[in-house]
Amino acid sequence: MQQNDVYNPPMDPIEVLYEDYEILAVNKPAGLLSVPGKSEDLSDCLLERVEIAFPTARLVHRLDRDTSGVMVFGLTAFAQRHLGQQFEKRTTKKTYVARVAGQMDDKEGEVDLPLTVDWPNRPRQMVCHETGKPSVTEWKVIRSSEVETRVRLFPQTGRTHQLRVHMLSLGHPILGDPLYAPETSEGFDRMMLHAEELRVSHPESGKGIRLRAKAPF
């Protein structure tokens, strides 16, 4: 799906991964916005759908439209604030799965490249050592072939499009990415990036919670 295509989000029921009196976790499908877009035709989004079943749900973080996987919401103002601080202070642990173009030679590594918005080409982001914000991604190869590699990605920061730009910078763009690697979209009905696991501390008990959704690809 190209970035400028007509917005046609999937209509499947949203899968609830975890629910209690403070927090809710769901498995966001690829192709669905996390929050409403600026125009009326982009109003359908995960937040709106979640609020139908959970009227007190409050946004904590976002995933790109074309990324699937774990998203957590606060069900109270306290929970939203507490979870938001965990993301801000980088105490959450995030794990993604991706399929990228080409065979990666090394088994693991780290990308440490500052990112900023590419203003003339918004919403694209780009590496910029002058004005970019610190951005770090660790990665490990799961398996590889001559044409593609399956990797786990561990973002240490949470910049816009961070994983997409960092993998592109290595010469291994995420397959099916309509913005950074449209030439790989043929044969893929979505971008091959999935938020597989999110670890947070419960806002009230402080107990660690592991939220997980298996990659659909």
N, C-alpha and C. Protein backbone atom coordinates (compact mmCIF):
# COMPACT_ATOMS: atom_id res chain seq x y z
N MET A 1 0.84 -1.20 0.00
CA MET A 1 0.00 0.00 0.00
C MET A 1 0.87 1.24 0.00
N GLN A 2 0.68 2.08 -0.96
CA GLN A 2 1.48 3.29 -1.06
C GLN A 2 0.97 4.34 -0.09
N GLN A 3 1.88 5.22 0.33
CA GLN A 3 1.54 6.23 1.32
C GLN A 3 0.42 7.15 0.84
N ASN A 4 0.33 7.38 -0.47
CA ASN A 4 -0.68 8.29 -1.00
C ASN A 4 -1.89 7.55 -1.55
N ASP A 5 -2.01 6.25 -1.30
CA ASP A 5 -3.17 5.49 -1.74
C ASP A 5 -4.39 5.89 -0.93
N VAL A 6 -5.56 5.52 -1.45
CA VAL A 6 -6.80 5.72 -0.70
C VAL A 6 -6.73 4.91 0.59
N TYR A 7 -7.08 5.54 1.68
CA TYR A 7 -7.03 4.88 3.00
C TYR A 7 -8.14 3.85 3.09
N ASN A 8 -7.76 2.60 3.20
CA ASN A 8 -8.73 1.51 3.24
C ASN A 8 -8.32 0.54 4.34
N PRO A 9 -8.52 0.92 5.61
CA PRO A 9 -8.03 0.11 6.72
C PRO A 9 -8.75 -1.22 6.85
N PRO A 10 -8.09 -2.22 7.42
CA PRO A 10 -8.74 -3.53 7.63
C PRO A 10 -9.88 -3.39 8.63
N MET A 11 -10.92 -4.21 8.45
CA MET A 11 -12.10 -4.11 9.31
C MET A 11 -12.21 -5.29 10.28
N ASP A 12 -11.16 -6.08 10.41
CA ASP A 12 -11.19 -7.21 11.34
C ASP A 12 -11.36 -6.71 12.78
N PRO A 13 -12.00 -7.52 13.63
CA PRO A 13 -12.11 -7.15 15.05
C PRO A 13 -10.73 -6.98 15.68
N ILE A 14 -10.60 -6.04 16.59
CA ILE A 14 -9.32 -5.80 17.25
C ILE A 14 -9.09 -6.85 18.33
N GLU A 15 -7.92 -7.47 18.28
CA GLU A 15 -7.57 -8.52 19.26
C GLU A 15 -7.06 -7.89 20.55
N VAL A 16 -7.72 -8.22 21.66
CA VAL A 16 -7.28 -7.76 22.98
C VAL A 16 -6.25 -8.74 23.52
N LEU A 17 -5.09 -8.23 23.89
CA LEU A 17 -4.00 -9.07 24.41
C LEU A 17 -3.98 -9.11 25.93
N TYR A 18 -4.40 -8.01 26.56
CA TYR A 18 -4.37 -7.92 28.02
C TYR A 18 -5.32 -6.82 28.45
N GLU A 19 -6.00 -7.07 29.58
CA GLU A 19 -6.92 -6.06 30.10
C GLU A 19 -7.05 -6.20 31.61
N ASP A 20 -6.94 -5.09 32.33
CA ASP A 20 -7.31 -5.07 33.74
C ASP A 20 -7.90 -3.69 34.03
N TYR A 21 -7.97 -3.30 35.27
CA TYR A 21 -8.63 -2.05 35.64
C TYR A 21 -7.81 -0.81 35.31
N GLU A 22 -6.54 -0.96 34.97
CA GLU A 22 -5.68 0.19 34.68
C GLU A 22 -5.20 0.26 33.24
N ILE A 23 -4.91 -0.89 32.65
CA ILE A 23 -4.31 -0.86 31.31
C ILE A 23 -4.99 -1.84 30.36
N LEU A 24 -4.82 -1.55 29.08
CA LEU A 24 -5.35 -2.38 28.00
C LEU A 24 -4.26 -2.52 26.95
N ALA A 25 -4.07 -3.71 26.44
CA ALA A 25 -3.12 -3.93 25.34
C ALA A 25 -3.85 -4.64 24.21
N VAL A 26 -3.63 -4.17 22.98
CA VAL A 26 -4.27 -4.77 21.81
C VAL A 26 -3.22 -5.02 20.73
N ASN A 27 -3.61 -5.81 19.75
CA ASN A 27 -2.75 -6.12 18.61
C ASN A 27 -3.21 -5.28 17.42
N LYS A 28 -2.52 -4.18 17.14
CA LYS A 28 -2.92 -3.30 16.05
C LYS A 28 -2.65 -3.96 14.70
N PRO A 29 -3.65 -3.98 13.81
CA PRO A 29 -3.40 -4.53 12.48
C PRO A 29 -2.63 -3.56 11.60
N ALA A 30 -1.89 -4.08 10.65
CA ALA A 30 -1.21 -3.23 9.67
C ALA A 30 -2.26 -2.53 8.82
N GLY A 31 -1.99 -1.28 8.45
CA GLY A 31 -2.89 -0.54 7.58
C GLY A 31 -3.89 0.33 8.31
N LEU A 32 -3.90 0.27 9.64
CA LEU A 32 -4.82 1.07 10.44
C LEU A 32 -4.04 2.15 11.18
N LEU A 33 -4.47 3.40 11.06
CA LEU A 33 -3.83 4.49 11.79
C LEU A 33 -3.99 4.30 13.29
N SER A 34 -3.00 4.73 14.07
CA SER A 34 -3.12 4.67 15.53
C SER A 34 -4.08 5.74 16.03
N VAL A 35 -4.00 6.94 15.43
CA VAL A 35 -4.85 8.08 15.81
C VAL A 35 -5.41 8.68 14.52
N PRO A 36 -6.45 9.52 14.62
CA PRO A 36 -7.05 10.08 13.40
C PRO A 36 -6.06 10.92 12.61
N GLY A 37 -6.21 10.89 11.28
CA GLY A 37 -5.43 11.76 10.41
C GLY A 37 -6.06 13.15 10.36
N LYS A 38 -5.48 14.03 9.57
CA LYS A 38 -5.93 15.42 9.54
C LYS A 38 -7.21 15.62 8.74
N SER A 39 -7.51 14.73 7.81
CA SER A 39 -8.71 14.88 6.98
C SER A 39 -9.80 13.90 7.42
N GLU A 40 -11.02 14.19 7.00
CA GLU A 40 -12.18 13.39 7.42
C GLU A 40 -12.05 11.93 6.99
N ASP A 41 -11.47 11.70 5.81
CA ASP A 41 -11.36 10.33 5.32
C ASP A 41 -10.31 9.52 6.07
N LEU A 42 -9.59 10.16 6.99
CA LEU A 42 -8.59 9.47 7.81
C LEU A 42 -9.01 9.40 9.27
N SER A 43 -10.32 9.47 9.51
CA SER A 43 -10.81 9.50 10.90
C SER A 43 -10.82 8.13 11.56
N ASP A 44 -11.01 7.08 10.76
CA ASP A 44 -11.03 5.72 11.32
C ASP A 44 -9.64 5.36 11.81
N CYS A 45 -9.54 4.96 13.08
CA CYS A 45 -8.24 4.66 13.65
C CYS A 45 -8.38 3.70 14.82
N LEU A 46 -7.26 3.18 15.28
CA LEU A 46 -7.29 2.23 16.39
C LEU A 46 -7.87 2.85 17.65
N LEU A 47 -7.46 4.08 17.98
CA LEU A 47 -7.96 4.74 19.19
C LEU A 47 -9.48 4.84 19.17
N GLU A 48 -10.04 5.24 18.04
CA GLU A 48 -11.49 5.38 17.93
C GLU A 48 -12.18 4.03 18.12
N ARG A 49 -11.65 2.99 17.52
CA ARG A 49 -12.25 1.66 17.65
C ARG A 49 -12.14 1.13 19.08
N VAL A 50 -11.00 1.37 19.71
CA VAL A 50 -10.80 0.91 21.09
C VAL A 50 -11.77 1.62 22.03
N GLU A 51 -11.99 2.92 21.79
CA GLU A 51 -12.86 3.70 22.66
C GLU A 51 -14.31 3.25 22.62
N ILE A 52 -14.71 2.60 21.54
CA ILE A 52 -16.08 2.07 21.46
C ILE A 52 -16.30 1.00 22.53
N ALA A 53 -15.32 0.13 22.68
CA ALA A 53 -15.43 -0.95 23.68
C ALA A 53 -14.91 -0.54 25.05
N PHE A 54 -13.96 0.40 25.06
CA PHE A 54 -13.33 0.85 26.32
C PHE A 54 -13.35 2.38 26.34
N PRO A 55 -14.48 2.97 26.74
CA PRO A 55 -14.66 4.44 26.63
C PRO A 55 -13.62 5.26 27.39
N THR A 56 -12.98 4.68 28.41
CA THR A 56 -12.00 5.45 29.18
C THR A 56 -10.58 5.30 28.65
N ALA A 57 -10.41 4.57 27.55
CA ALA A 57 -9.06 4.32 27.01
C ALA A 57 -8.37 5.62 26.62
N ARG A 58 -7.09 5.74 27.00
CA ARG A 58 -6.30 6.94 26.72
C ARG A 58 -5.00 6.55 26.01
N LEU A 59 -4.65 7.34 25.02
CA LEU A 59 -3.46 7.05 24.20
C LEU A 59 -2.18 7.21 25.01
N VAL A 60 -1.25 6.30 24.82
CA VAL A 60 0.06 6.35 25.48
C VAL A 60 1.19 6.49 24.45
N HIS A 61 1.11 5.73 23.37
CA HIS A 61 2.14 5.75 22.33
C HIS A 61 1.49 5.40 21.00
N ARG A 62 2.26 5.37 19.93
CA ARG A 62 1.72 5.10 18.60
C ARG A 62 2.60 4.10 17.86
N LEU A 63 1.99 3.48 16.86
CA LEU A 63 2.72 2.71 15.86
C LEU A 63 2.38 3.31 14.50
N ASP A 64 3.32 3.22 13.55
CA ASP A 64 3.05 3.68 12.20
C ASP A 64 1.85 2.94 11.62
N ARG A 65 1.18 3.59 10.69
CA ARG A 65 0.00 2.97 10.06
C ARG A 65 0.31 1.57 9.52
N ASP A 66 1.46 1.43 8.87
CA ASP A 66 1.78 0.18 8.19
C ASP A 66 2.46 -0.85 9.08
N THR A 67 2.64 -0.52 10.36
CA THR A 67 3.22 -1.45 11.33
C THR A 67 2.11 -2.09 12.14
N SER A 68 2.24 -3.39 12.40
CA SER A 68 1.28 -4.09 13.25
C SER A 68 1.92 -4.37 14.60
N GLY A 69 1.08 -4.82 15.56
CA GLY A 69 1.64 -5.30 16.81
C GLY A 69 1.11 -4.65 18.06
N VAL A 70 1.84 -4.84 19.14
CA VAL A 70 1.40 -4.50 20.49
C VAL A 70 1.31 -2.99 20.70
N MET A 71 0.12 -2.54 21.14
CA MET A 71 -0.06 -1.17 21.60
C MET A 71 -0.76 -1.20 22.94
N VAL A 72 -0.30 -0.37 23.87
CA VAL A 72 -0.88 -0.34 25.21
C VAL A 72 -1.59 1.00 25.43
N PHE A 73 -2.71 0.96 26.13
CA PHE A 73 -3.49 2.15 26.47
C PHE A 73 -3.69 2.22 27.97
N GLY A 74 -3.77 3.42 28.50
CA GLY A 74 -4.16 3.60 29.89
C GLY A 74 -5.68 3.66 29.98
N LEU A 75 -6.25 3.05 31.00
CA LEU A 75 -7.70 3.11 31.19
C LEU A 75 -8.09 4.14 32.24
N THR A 76 -7.10 4.77 32.85
CA THR A 76 -7.32 5.88 33.78
C THR A 76 -6.29 6.95 33.47
N ALA A 77 -6.54 8.16 33.97
CA ALA A 77 -5.57 9.24 33.77
C ALA A 77 -4.24 8.91 34.44
N PHE A 78 -4.32 8.29 35.61
CA PHE A 78 -3.10 7.90 36.33
C PHE A 78 -2.28 6.90 35.51
N ALA A 79 -2.97 5.88 34.97
CA ALA A 79 -2.27 4.86 34.19
C ALA A 79 -1.65 5.46 32.93
N GLN A 80 -2.37 6.35 32.26
CA GLN A 80 -1.84 7.00 31.06
C GLN A 80 -0.56 7.77 31.38
N ARG A 81 -0.60 8.52 32.47
CA ARG A 81 0.54 9.33 32.88
C ARG A 81 1.73 8.44 33.26
N HIS A 82 1.46 7.38 34.02
CA HIS A 82 2.51 6.47 34.48
C HIS A 82 3.17 5.75 33.30
N LEU A 83 2.35 5.22 32.40
CA LEU A 83 2.88 4.53 31.23
C LEU A 83 3.64 5.49 30.32
N GLY A 84 3.10 6.70 30.16
CA GLY A 84 3.76 7.70 29.34
C GLY A 84 5.15 8.04 29.85
N GLN A 85 5.28 8.10 31.16
CA GLN A 85 6.59 8.38 31.76
C GLN A 85 7.58 7.24 31.51
N GLN A 86 7.06 6.01 31.50
CA GLN A 86 7.93 4.87 31.21
C GLN A 86 8.50 4.96 29.80
N PHE A 87 7.66 5.36 28.83
CA PHE A 87 8.14 5.54 27.47
C PHE A 87 9.13 6.70 27.40
N GLU A 88 8.81 7.77 28.08
CA GLU A 88 9.66 8.96 28.05
C GLU A 88 11.03 8.69 28.67
N LYS A 89 11.04 7.92 29.75
CA LYS A 89 12.30 7.62 30.45
C LYS A 89 13.00 6.39 29.88
N ARG A 90 12.37 5.78 28.86
CA ARG A 90 12.94 4.62 28.16
C ARG A 90 13.14 3.42 29.07
N THR A 91 12.21 3.22 29.98
CA THR A 91 12.27 2.03 30.84
C THR A 91 11.46 0.88 30.25
N THR A 92 10.69 1.15 29.20
CA THR A 92 9.98 0.08 28.50
C THR A 92 10.99 -0.72 27.67
N LYS A 93 10.66 -1.96 27.38
CA LYS A 93 11.49 -2.80 26.52
C LYS A 93 10.67 -3.20 25.31
N LYS A 94 11.13 -2.80 24.12
CA LYS A 94 10.37 -3.05 22.90
C LYS A 94 11.14 -4.00 21.98
N THR A 95 10.42 -4.96 21.42
CA THR A 95 11.00 -5.91 20.48
C THR A 95 10.13 -5.96 19.23
N TYR A 96 10.77 -5.79 18.09
CA TYR A 96 10.07 -5.86 16.80
C TYR A 96 10.64 -7.02 15.98
N VAL A 97 9.83 -7.52 15.06
CA VAL A 97 10.30 -8.48 14.06
C VAL A 97 10.15 -7.84 12.70
N ALA A 98 11.16 -8.01 11.85
CA ALA A 98 11.09 -7.44 10.50
C ALA A 98 11.71 -8.40 9.49
N ARG A 99 11.23 -8.32 8.27
CA ARG A 99 11.88 -8.97 7.14
C ARG A 99 12.49 -7.87 6.29
N VAL A 100 13.78 -7.95 6.05
CA VAL A 100 14.48 -6.90 5.32
C VAL A 100 15.11 -7.45 4.05
N ALA A 101 15.36 -6.56 3.11
CA ALA A 101 15.92 -6.95 1.82
C ALA A 101 17.38 -7.34 1.96
N GLY A 102 17.78 -8.40 1.25
CA GLY A 102 19.18 -8.79 1.19
C GLY A 102 19.63 -9.64 2.36
N GLN A 103 20.81 -10.21 2.21
CA GLN A 103 21.40 -11.06 3.24
C GLN A 103 22.35 -10.23 4.11
N MET A 104 22.07 -10.18 5.40
CA MET A 104 22.93 -9.43 6.32
C MET A 104 24.12 -10.30 6.71
N ASP A 105 25.30 -9.73 6.61
CA ASP A 105 26.51 -10.50 6.85
C ASP A 105 26.74 -10.79 8.33
N ASP A 106 26.54 -9.78 9.17
CA ASP A 106 26.76 -9.96 10.60
C ASP A 106 25.52 -10.55 11.27
N LYS A 107 25.71 -11.14 12.44
CA LYS A 107 24.60 -11.76 13.17
C LYS A 107 23.89 -10.78 14.08
N GLU A 108 24.57 -9.73 14.47
CA GLU A 108 23.96 -8.73 15.34
C GLU A 108 24.74 -7.43 15.22
N GLY A 109 24.12 -6.36 15.69
CA GLY A 109 24.80 -5.07 15.61
C GLY A 109 23.97 -3.96 16.21
N GLU A 110 24.45 -2.74 16.02
CA GLU A 110 23.77 -1.57 16.56
C GLU A 110 23.87 -0.43 15.55
N VAL A 111 22.77 0.28 15.37
CA VAL A 111 22.76 1.48 14.54
C VAL A 111 22.61 2.68 15.47
N ASP A 112 23.56 3.59 15.42
CA ASP A 112 23.53 4.79 16.25
C ASP A 112 23.64 5.99 15.32
N LEU A 113 22.50 6.42 14.78
CA LEU A 113 22.46 7.52 13.82
C LEU A 113 21.34 8.48 14.19
N PRO A 114 21.64 9.77 14.35
CA PRO A 114 20.63 10.75 14.74
C PRO A 114 19.63 11.01 13.60
N LEU A 115 18.38 11.19 13.96
CA LEU A 115 17.31 11.34 12.96
C LEU A 115 16.57 12.66 13.13
N THR A 116 16.12 13.20 12.00
CA THR A 116 15.28 14.39 11.99
C THR A 116 14.33 14.30 10.81
N VAL A 117 13.30 15.15 10.80
CA VAL A 117 12.34 15.13 9.70
C VAL A 117 12.98 15.69 8.43
N ASP A 118 12.66 15.06 7.32
CA ASP A 118 13.10 15.52 6.00
C ASP A 118 12.01 16.47 5.48
N TRP A 119 12.10 17.74 5.85
CA TRP A 119 11.00 18.69 5.66
C TRP A 119 10.44 18.73 4.24
N PRO A 120 11.26 18.82 3.19
CA PRO A 120 10.68 18.88 1.84
C PRO A 120 9.94 17.60 1.46
N ASN A 121 10.23 16.50 2.17
CA ASN A 121 9.66 15.20 1.81
C ASN A 121 8.88 14.58 2.96
N ARG A 122 8.27 15.42 3.79
CA ARG A 122 7.49 14.89 4.91
C ARG A 122 6.45 13.89 4.41
N PRO A 123 6.17 12.82 5.16
CA PRO A 123 6.62 12.55 6.54
C PRO A 123 7.94 11.78 6.64
N ARG A 124 8.69 11.74 5.57
CA ARG A 124 9.97 11.02 5.62
C ARG A 124 10.89 11.62 6.68
N GLN A 125 11.68 10.75 7.29
CA GLN A 125 12.73 11.15 8.23
C GLN A 125 14.08 10.87 7.57
N MET A 126 15.14 11.46 8.12
CA MET A 126 16.47 11.24 7.54
C MET A 126 17.55 11.33 8.61
N VAL A 127 18.69 10.77 8.30
CA VAL A 127 19.85 10.87 9.18
C VAL A 127 20.44 12.26 9.04
N CYS A 128 20.69 12.92 10.18
CA CYS A 128 21.31 14.25 10.15
C CYS A 128 22.17 14.42 11.39
N HIS A 129 23.48 14.53 11.19
CA HIS A 129 24.40 14.64 12.33
C HIS A 129 24.43 16.04 12.92
N GLU A 130 23.84 17.02 12.23
CA GLU A 130 23.81 18.39 12.75
C GLU A 130 22.59 18.64 13.64
N THR A 131 21.40 18.30 13.13
CA THR A 131 20.17 18.63 13.85
C THR A 131 19.39 17.41 14.33
N GLY A 132 19.84 16.22 13.99
CA GLY A 132 19.11 15.01 14.34
C GLY A 132 19.12 14.71 15.84
N LYS A 133 18.06 14.05 16.30
CA LYS A 133 17.98 13.62 17.69
C LYS A 133 18.62 12.24 17.84
N PRO A 134 19.30 11.98 18.97
CA PRO A 134 19.94 10.68 19.17
C PRO A 134 18.96 9.54 18.95
N SER A 135 19.39 8.54 18.18
CA SER A 135 18.53 7.41 17.84
C SER A 135 19.38 6.15 17.78
N VAL A 136 18.99 5.14 18.55
CA VAL A 136 19.78 3.91 18.64
C VAL A 136 18.88 2.69 18.47
N THR A 137 19.30 1.78 17.61
CA THR A 137 18.59 0.52 17.39
C THR A 137 19.57 -0.64 17.46
N GLU A 138 19.29 -1.62 18.28
CA GLU A 138 20.06 -2.87 18.29
C GLU A 138 19.31 -3.91 17.45
N TRP A 139 20.05 -4.80 16.82
CA TRP A 139 19.40 -5.81 15.98
C TRP A 139 20.11 -7.15 16.06
N LYS A 140 19.35 -8.22 15.84
CA LYS A 140 19.89 -9.59 15.80
C LYS A 140 19.21 -10.36 14.69
N VAL A 141 20.01 -11.07 13.92
CA VAL A 141 19.48 -11.88 12.83
C VAL A 141 18.82 -13.15 13.38
N ILE A 142 17.62 -13.44 12.90
CA ILE A 142 16.95 -14.70 13.24
C ILE A 142 17.33 -15.76 12.22
N ARG A 143 17.16 -15.43 10.95
CA ARG A 143 17.61 -16.31 9.87
C ARG A 143 17.72 -15.49 8.59
N SER A 144 18.48 -16.01 7.63
CA SER A 144 18.68 -15.24 6.40
C SER A 144 18.81 -16.16 5.20
N SER A 145 18.52 -15.60 4.04
CA SER A 145 18.74 -16.29 2.77
C SER A 145 19.47 -15.32 1.85
N GLU A 146 19.62 -15.68 0.61
CA GLU A 146 20.33 -14.80 -0.32
C GLU A 146 19.52 -13.56 -0.65
N VAL A 147 18.21 -13.62 -0.45
CA VAL A 147 17.37 -12.50 -0.88
C VAL A 147 16.79 -11.68 0.26
N GLU A 148 16.68 -12.27 1.46
CA GLU A 148 16.13 -11.50 2.57
C GLU A 148 16.63 -12.02 3.91
N THR A 149 16.46 -11.21 4.94
CA THR A 149 16.87 -11.56 6.29
C THR A 149 15.74 -11.25 7.27
N ARG A 150 15.50 -12.16 8.18
CA ARG A 150 14.52 -11.94 9.25
C ARG A 150 15.29 -11.52 10.50
N VAL A 151 14.92 -10.38 11.08
CA VAL A 151 15.66 -9.84 12.21
C VAL A 151 14.72 -9.45 13.35
N ARG A 152 15.30 -9.44 14.55
CA ARG A 152 14.63 -8.81 15.69
C ARG A 152 15.28 -7.46 15.92
N LEU A 153 14.46 -6.47 16.15
CA LEU A 153 14.94 -5.10 16.34
C LEU A 153 14.58 -4.63 17.74
N PHE A 154 15.54 -3.99 18.39
CA PHE A 154 15.36 -3.53 19.77
C PHE A 154 15.64 -2.02 19.82
N PRO A 155 14.64 -1.19 19.57
CA PRO A 155 14.87 0.26 19.61
C PRO A 155 15.15 0.74 21.02
N GLN A 156 16.23 1.47 21.18
CA GLN A 156 16.57 2.03 22.49
C GLN A 156 16.02 3.45 22.63
N THR A 157 15.61 4.03 21.51
CA THR A 157 14.93 5.32 21.49
C THR A 157 13.66 5.15 20.68
N GLY A 158 12.81 6.15 20.66
CA GLY A 158 11.52 6.02 20.00
C GLY A 158 11.24 7.10 18.99
N ARG A 159 12.15 7.29 18.05
CA ARG A 159 11.97 8.33 17.04
C ARG A 159 11.00 7.88 15.94
N THR A 160 10.38 8.85 15.30
CA THR A 160 9.49 8.56 14.17
C THR A 160 10.24 7.82 13.07
N HIS A 161 9.67 6.69 12.62
CA HIS A 161 10.23 5.89 11.53
C HIS A 161 11.65 5.39 11.82
N GLN A 162 12.01 5.33 13.09
CA GLN A 162 13.39 4.99 13.44
C GLN A 162 13.85 3.66 12.84
N LEU A 163 13.08 2.61 13.02
CA LEU A 163 13.51 1.29 12.54
C LEU A 163 13.59 1.26 11.02
N ARG A 164 12.66 1.94 10.39
CA ARG A 164 12.61 1.96 8.92
C ARG A 164 13.84 2.67 8.35
N VAL A 165 14.22 3.81 8.93
CA VAL A 165 15.37 4.57 8.43
C VAL A 165 16.68 3.89 8.81
N HIS A 166 16.75 3.35 10.01
CA HIS A 166 17.99 2.69 10.44
C HIS A 166 18.29 1.45 9.60
N MET A 167 17.28 0.66 9.29
CA MET A 167 17.53 -0.52 8.44
C MET A 167 17.89 -0.09 7.02
N LEU A 168 17.24 0.97 6.54
CA LEU A 168 17.59 1.51 5.22
C LEU A 168 19.05 1.97 5.20
N SER A 169 19.51 2.56 6.30
CA SER A 169 20.88 3.07 6.37
C SER A 169 21.91 1.94 6.29
N LEU A 170 21.50 0.74 6.69
CA LEU A 170 22.38 -0.43 6.60
C LEU A 170 22.37 -1.06 5.22
N GLY A 171 21.50 -0.53 4.35
CA GLY A 171 21.37 -1.12 3.02
C GLY A 171 20.42 -2.29 2.98
N HIS A 172 19.61 -2.44 4.03
CA HIS A 172 18.66 -3.54 4.12
C HIS A 172 17.28 -3.00 4.52
N PRO A 173 16.60 -2.30 3.59
CA PRO A 173 15.30 -1.72 3.92
C PRO A 173 14.26 -2.78 4.26
N ILE A 174 13.28 -2.39 5.04
CA ILE A 174 12.20 -3.30 5.41
C ILE A 174 11.35 -3.58 4.18
N LEU A 175 11.11 -4.85 3.91
CA LEU A 175 10.34 -5.24 2.73
C LEU A 175 8.91 -4.72 2.80
N GLY A 176 8.41 -4.24 1.67
CA GLY A 176 7.05 -3.74 1.61
C GLY A 176 6.86 -2.35 2.17
N ASP A 177 7.95 -1.66 2.52
CA ASP A 177 7.83 -0.31 3.07
C ASP A 177 7.46 0.65 1.94
N PRO A 178 6.25 1.24 1.99
CA PRO A 178 5.78 2.07 0.87
C PRO A 178 6.47 3.42 0.79
N LEU A 179 7.13 3.83 1.86
CA LEU A 179 7.73 5.16 1.91
C LEU A 179 9.23 5.14 1.63
N TYR A 180 9.93 4.18 2.19
CA TYR A 180 11.39 4.15 2.09
C TYR A 180 11.91 3.10 1.11
N ALA A 181 11.08 2.14 0.76
CA ALA A 181 11.52 1.10 -0.17
C ALA A 181 10.36 0.64 -1.05
N PRO A 182 9.71 1.58 -1.79
CA PRO A 182 8.56 1.19 -2.61
C PRO A 182 8.90 0.14 -3.66
N GLU A 183 10.18 0.08 -4.02
CA GLU A 183 10.58 -0.91 -5.03
C GLU A 183 10.47 -2.34 -4.50
N THR A 184 10.36 -2.49 -3.17
CA THR A 184 10.23 -3.84 -2.58
C THR A 184 8.77 -4.24 -2.35
N SER A 185 7.84 -3.34 -2.67
CA SER A 185 6.44 -3.59 -2.31
C SER A 185 5.78 -4.67 -3.15
N GLU A 186 6.32 -4.93 -4.34
CA GLU A 186 5.72 -5.94 -5.20
C GLU A 186 5.78 -7.32 -4.53
N GLY A 187 4.65 -7.96 -4.44
CA GLY A 187 4.60 -9.27 -3.81
C GLY A 187 4.31 -9.22 -2.32
N PHE A 188 4.22 -8.02 -1.76
CA PHE A 188 3.90 -7.88 -0.34
C PHE A 188 2.63 -7.04 -0.19
N ASP A 189 1.70 -7.51 0.62
CA ASP A 189 0.45 -6.78 0.81
C ASP A 189 0.52 -5.84 2.02
N ARG A 190 1.72 -5.76 2.63
CA ARG A 190 1.91 -4.90 3.81
C ARG A 190 3.41 -4.71 4.03
N MET A 191 3.75 -3.81 4.95
CA MET A 191 5.13 -3.65 5.35
C MET A 191 5.48 -4.75 6.36
N MET A 192 6.66 -5.32 6.20
CA MET A 192 7.06 -6.47 7.02
C MET A 192 7.73 -6.01 8.33
N LEU A 193 6.95 -5.30 9.14
CA LEU A 193 7.42 -4.82 10.44
C LEU A 193 6.31 -5.00 11.46
N HIS A 194 6.65 -5.66 12.58
CA HIS A 194 5.65 -6.01 13.59
C HIS A 194 6.22 -5.80 14.99
N ALA A 195 5.46 -5.09 15.82
CA ALA A 195 5.84 -4.89 17.22
C ALA A 195 5.46 -6.14 18.01
N GLU A 196 6.44 -7.01 18.21
CA GLU A 196 6.20 -8.34 18.75
C GLU A 196 5.99 -8.35 20.27
N GLU A 197 6.75 -7.53 20.97
CA GLU A 197 6.70 -7.59 22.44
C GLU A 197 6.95 -6.22 23.05
N LEU A 198 6.22 -5.96 24.13
CA LEU A 198 6.40 -4.72 24.89
C LEU A 198 6.38 -5.08 26.37
N ARG A 199 7.40 -4.65 27.08
CA ARG A 199 7.47 -4.88 28.52
C ARG A 199 7.33 -3.55 29.25
N VAL A 200 6.36 -3.51 30.16
CA VAL A 200 6.10 -2.30 30.94
C VAL A 200 5.94 -2.68 32.40
N SER A 201 5.96 -1.69 33.27
CA SER A 201 5.66 -1.91 34.69
C SER A 201 4.21 -1.50 34.94
N HIS A 202 3.49 -2.32 35.68
CA HIS A 202 2.09 -1.98 35.96
C HIS A 202 2.03 -0.69 36.75
N PRO A 203 1.17 0.25 36.35
CA PRO A 203 1.13 1.56 37.01
C PRO A 203 0.87 1.50 38.51
N GLU A 204 0.11 0.51 38.97
CA GLU A 204 -0.22 0.47 40.39
C GLU A 204 0.72 -0.45 41.18
N SER A 205 0.89 -1.68 40.71
CA SER A 205 1.68 -2.65 41.47
C SER A 205 3.18 -2.52 41.21
N GLY A 206 3.56 -1.95 40.06
CA GLY A 206 4.97 -1.88 39.69
C GLY A 206 5.50 -3.18 39.12
N LYS A 207 4.66 -4.20 39.08
CA LYS A 207 5.07 -5.50 38.57
C LYS A 207 5.29 -5.45 37.06
N GLY A 208 6.32 -6.13 36.59
CA GLY A 208 6.60 -6.17 35.16
C GLY A 208 5.56 -6.97 34.41
N ILE A 209 5.11 -6.45 33.28
CA ILE A 209 4.13 -7.13 32.44
C ILE A 209 4.72 -7.31 31.05
N ARG A 210 4.59 -8.52 30.52
CA ARG A 210 5.12 -8.83 29.18
C ARG A 210 3.93 -8.98 28.24
N LEU A 211 3.81 -8.07 27.30
CA LEU A 211 2.72 -8.06 26.35
C LEU A 211 3.27 -8.52 25.00
N ARG A 212 2.62 -9.51 24.40
CA ARG A 212 3.21 -10.14 23.23
C ARG A 212 2.16 -10.49 22.17
N ALA A 213 2.51 -10.29 20.92
CA ALA A 213 1.67 -10.68 19.80
C ALA A 213 2.58 -11.25 18.71
N LYS A 214 2.36 -12.48 18.35
CA LYS A 214 3.20 -13.17 17.36
C LYS A 214 3.09 -12.49 16.00
N ALA A 215 4.21 -12.39 15.33
CA ALA A 215 4.23 -11.77 13.99
C ALA A 215 3.38 -12.60 13.03
N PRO A 216 2.55 -11.94 12.20
CA PRO A 216 1.69 -12.67 11.26
C PRO A 216 2.38 -13.02 9.95
N PHE A 217 3.69 -12.80 9.88
CA PHE A 217 4.42 -13.11 8.64
C PHE A 217 5.70 -13.87 8.94
